Amino acid sequence: GMPGTGKTTIAKIVYNEIQYQFTSANFLQDVRETFNKGCQLQLQQQLLHDTMGNDVEFSNINKGINIIKARLNSKKVLIVIDDVDHLEQLKLLVGSPKWFGLGSIIIITTRDQHLLGEYGVDISYKVEQLHYKEAIQLFSRQKRLCKPLKLHGTLCSRFPLRLQGPR
């Protein structure tokens, strides 16, 4: 879906609601930006650290792929990969859903619907932008305004993440 429609917010809510059902859970945020900075190795290390509970040292991305596959293959994991824009990012972090134990769930947020098909996603949900009236109602509820302003509705429909407050 479009930027600012709430994909990450929805993924965070789902993650927080169901993470207790898994052996390990991990939320990798801003994957696109992190990859653009050349920090692929750090993302792999973060994934392993957060799911295994300890640091795993390796010096290259291919070793990281093998370690992720070997260490998590029998674990029931919940992994959120946020803001993906290239198939390579998924291949380096979660390879294939077959890498993980029975009952594992991989949640991917992306602006590119075709990417999900390339990865072989079975179920997808497209987040739509709020309509003006819905945006006003949501903003009013969040900010407890007596009379919502027209500008607030415009902001809310464009940037629902702003309702979360500071990160």
Protein backbone atom coordinates (compact mmCIF):
# COMPACT_ATOMS: atom_id res chain seq x y z
CA GLY A 1 0.00 0.00 0.00
CA MET A 2 0.83 3.66 -0.19
CA PRO A 3 3.26 5.22 2.30
CA GLY A 4 1.63 6.49 5.49
CA THR A 5 -1.43 4.25 5.34
CA GLY A 6 -0.57 2.43 8.56
CA LYS A 7 1.07 -0.81 7.39
CA THR A 8 3.76 -0.70 10.07
CA THR A 9 1.28 0.35 12.75
CA ILE A 10 -1.01 -2.58 11.94
CA ALA A 11 1.96 -4.97 11.88
CA LYS A 12 3.07 -3.70 15.32
CA ILE A 13 -0.41 -4.21 16.76
CA VAL A 14 -0.65 -7.75 15.36
CA TYR A 15 2.89 -8.51 16.56
CA ASN A 16 2.14 -7.28 20.09
CA GLU A 17 -1.12 -9.24 20.25
CA ILE A 18 0.24 -12.63 19.14
CA GLN A 19 3.97 -12.71 19.98
CA TYR A 20 3.39 -14.68 23.20
CA GLN A 21 2.25 -17.67 21.10
CA PHE A 22 5.74 -18.18 19.62
CA THR A 23 9.06 -19.54 20.85
CA SER A 24 10.72 -16.38 19.52
CA ALA A 25 9.51 -13.14 17.99
CA ASN A 26 11.30 -10.39 16.10
CA PHE A 27 10.27 -7.09 14.51
CA LEU A 28 12.79 -5.83 11.95
CA GLN A 29 11.76 -2.25 11.25
CA ASP A 30 12.75 -0.04 8.29
CA VAL A 31 14.41 -2.83 6.30
CA ARG A 32 14.51 -0.76 3.08
CA GLU A 33 16.37 2.08 4.78
CA THR A 34 18.75 -0.26 6.59
CA PHE A 35 19.60 -2.08 3.35
CA ASN A 36 20.17 1.25 1.59
CA LYS A 37 22.77 2.06 4.27
CA GLY A 38 24.54 -1.25 3.51
CA CYS A 39 23.74 -2.80 6.89
CA GLN A 40 22.48 -6.21 5.73
CA LEU A 41 24.84 -8.11 8.01
CA GLN A 42 23.63 -6.14 11.04
CA LEU A 43 20.00 -7.00 10.21
CA GLN A 44 20.85 -10.70 10.03
CA GLN A 45 22.70 -10.45 13.36
CA GLN A 46 19.77 -8.58 14.92
CA LEU A 47 17.35 -11.25 13.71
CA LEU A 48 19.46 -14.01 15.26
CA HIS A 49 20.12 -12.08 18.46
CA ASP A 50 16.45 -11.27 19.03
CA THR A 51 15.20 -14.76 18.21
CA MET A 52 18.00 -16.79 19.84
CA GLY A 53 18.68 -14.51 22.80
CA ASN A 54 22.43 -14.34 22.25
CA ASP A 55 24.94 -12.81 19.86
CA VAL A 56 26.05 -14.85 16.89
CA GLU A 57 29.17 -13.65 15.10
CA PHE A 58 29.68 -14.12 11.37
CA SER A 59 31.57 -12.15 8.78
CA ASN A 60 29.50 -12.33 5.61
CA ILE A 61 25.90 -12.40 4.41
CA ASN A 62 26.06 -15.96 3.02
CA LYS A 63 27.17 -17.31 6.40
CA GLY A 64 24.32 -15.34 7.96
CA ILE A 65 21.81 -17.02 5.66
CA ASN A 66 23.12 -20.47 6.59
CA ILE A 67 23.10 -19.71 10.32
CA ILE A 68 19.54 -18.29 10.24
CA LYS A 69 18.34 -21.36 8.36
CA ALA A 70 20.12 -23.81 10.69
CA ARG A 71 19.31 -22.14 14.03
CA LEU A 72 15.65 -21.31 13.40
CA ASN A 73 14.54 -24.36 11.40
CA SER A 74 12.86 -26.09 14.33
CA LYS A 75 11.56 -23.00 16.13
CA LYS A 76 8.05 -21.61 15.97
CA VAL A 77 8.86 -17.97 15.24
CA LEU A 78 7.02 -14.75 14.50
CA ILE A 79 9.08 -12.43 12.32
CA VAL A 80 7.94 -9.07 10.98
CA ILE A 81 9.96 -7.69 8.08
CA ASP A 82 8.92 -4.05 7.77
CA ASP A 83 9.17 -1.85 4.67
CA VAL A 84 10.63 -4.31 2.17
CA ASP A 85 11.22 -3.09 -1.38
CA HIS A 86 13.38 -5.85 -2.96
CA LEU A 87 13.08 -9.63 -3.03
CA GLU A 88 16.78 -9.85 -2.12
CA GLN A 89 15.97 -8.40 1.32
CA LEU A 90 13.58 -11.26 2.03
CA LYS A 91 16.01 -13.86 0.70
CA LEU A 92 18.80 -12.59 2.98
CA LEU A 93 16.62 -12.42 6.10
CA VAL A 94 13.92 -15.09 5.88
CA GLY A 95 14.88 -17.03 2.75
CA SER A 96 11.87 -19.28 2.54
CA PRO A 97 8.97 -19.95 4.92
CA LYS A 98 10.25 -23.55 4.94
CA TRP A 99 13.29 -22.37 6.91
CA PHE A 100 11.24 -22.08 10.10
CA GLY A 101 9.41 -24.46 12.40
CA LEU A 102 5.80 -25.52 12.16
CA GLY A 103 3.36 -22.72 13.00
CA SER A 104 5.82 -19.92 12.24
CA ILE A 105 4.46 -16.69 10.79
CA ILE A 106 6.35 -14.18 8.65
CA ILE A 107 4.65 -10.78 8.28
CA ILE A 108 5.94 -8.54 5.50
CA THR A 109 5.05 -4.88 5.02
CA THR A 110 5.75 -3.45 1.58
CA ARG A 111 4.56 -0.87 -0.91
CA ASP A 112 5.04 -3.42 -3.74
CA GLN A 113 2.26 -6.01 -4.00
CA HIS A 114 4.17 -7.89 -6.74
CA LEU A 115 7.02 -8.54 -4.32
CA LEU A 116 4.69 -10.62 -2.16
CA GLY A 117 3.78 -12.79 -5.14
CA GLU A 118 7.45 -13.28 -6.03
CA TYR A 119 8.16 -14.43 -2.48
CA GLY A 120 5.20 -16.82 -2.54
CA VAL A 121 2.99 -15.17 0.07
CA ASP A 122 -0.26 -17.11 0.54
CA ILE A 123 -2.31 -14.44 2.31
CA SER A 124 -2.03 -10.68 1.91
CA TYR A 125 -3.93 -7.65 3.14
CA LYS A 126 -3.82 -4.32 1.34
CA VAL A 127 -4.12 -1.35 3.69
CA GLU A 128 -6.25 1.37 2.13
CA GLN A 129 -6.07 5.06 2.92
CA LEU A 130 -8.82 6.25 5.25
CA HIS A 131 -11.76 8.14 3.79
CA TYR A 132 -12.14 11.72 4.99
CA LYS A 133 -15.01 10.96 7.40
CA GLU A 134 -13.17 7.97 8.92
CA ALA A 135 -10.03 10.07 9.30
CA ILE A 136 -11.95 12.80 11.15
CA GLN A 137 -13.55 10.24 13.49
CA LEU A 138 -10.23 8.57 14.24
CA PHE A 139 -8.43 11.85 14.78
CA SER A 140 -11.21 13.14 17.04
CA ARG A 141 -11.13 9.96 19.11
CA GLN A 142 -7.35 10.09 19.46
CA LYS A 143 -7.01 13.78 20.19
CA ARG A 144 -10.35 14.21 22.00
CA LEU A 145 -11.26 17.28 19.98
CA CYS A 146 -14.71 18.77 20.34
CA LYS A 147 -14.88 20.08 16.78
CA PRO A 148 -12.40 18.51 14.39
CA LEU A 149 -10.80 20.89 11.94
CA LYS A 150 -10.75 20.25 8.21
CA LEU A 151 -6.95 20.33 8.19
CA HIS A 152 -6.77 17.62 10.86
CA GLY A 153 -8.80 15.26 8.68
CA THR A 154 -6.46 15.85 5.78
CA LEU A 155 -3.43 15.16 7.93
CA CYS A 156 -4.98 12.06 9.43
CA SER A 157 -5.95 10.55 6.11
CA ARG A 158 -2.43 11.08 4.80
CA PHE A 159 -0.40 10.24 7.90
CA PRO A 160 -2.16 7.89 10.33
CA LEU A 161 1.14 6.99 11.97
CA ARG A 162 1.25 10.48 13.46
CA LEU A 163 -1.59 9.42 15.77
CA GLN A 164 0.82 7.14 17.60
CA GLY A 165 2.75 10.05 19.00
CA PRO A 166 6.54 10.13 19.20
CA ARG A 167 8.44 6.92 18.43
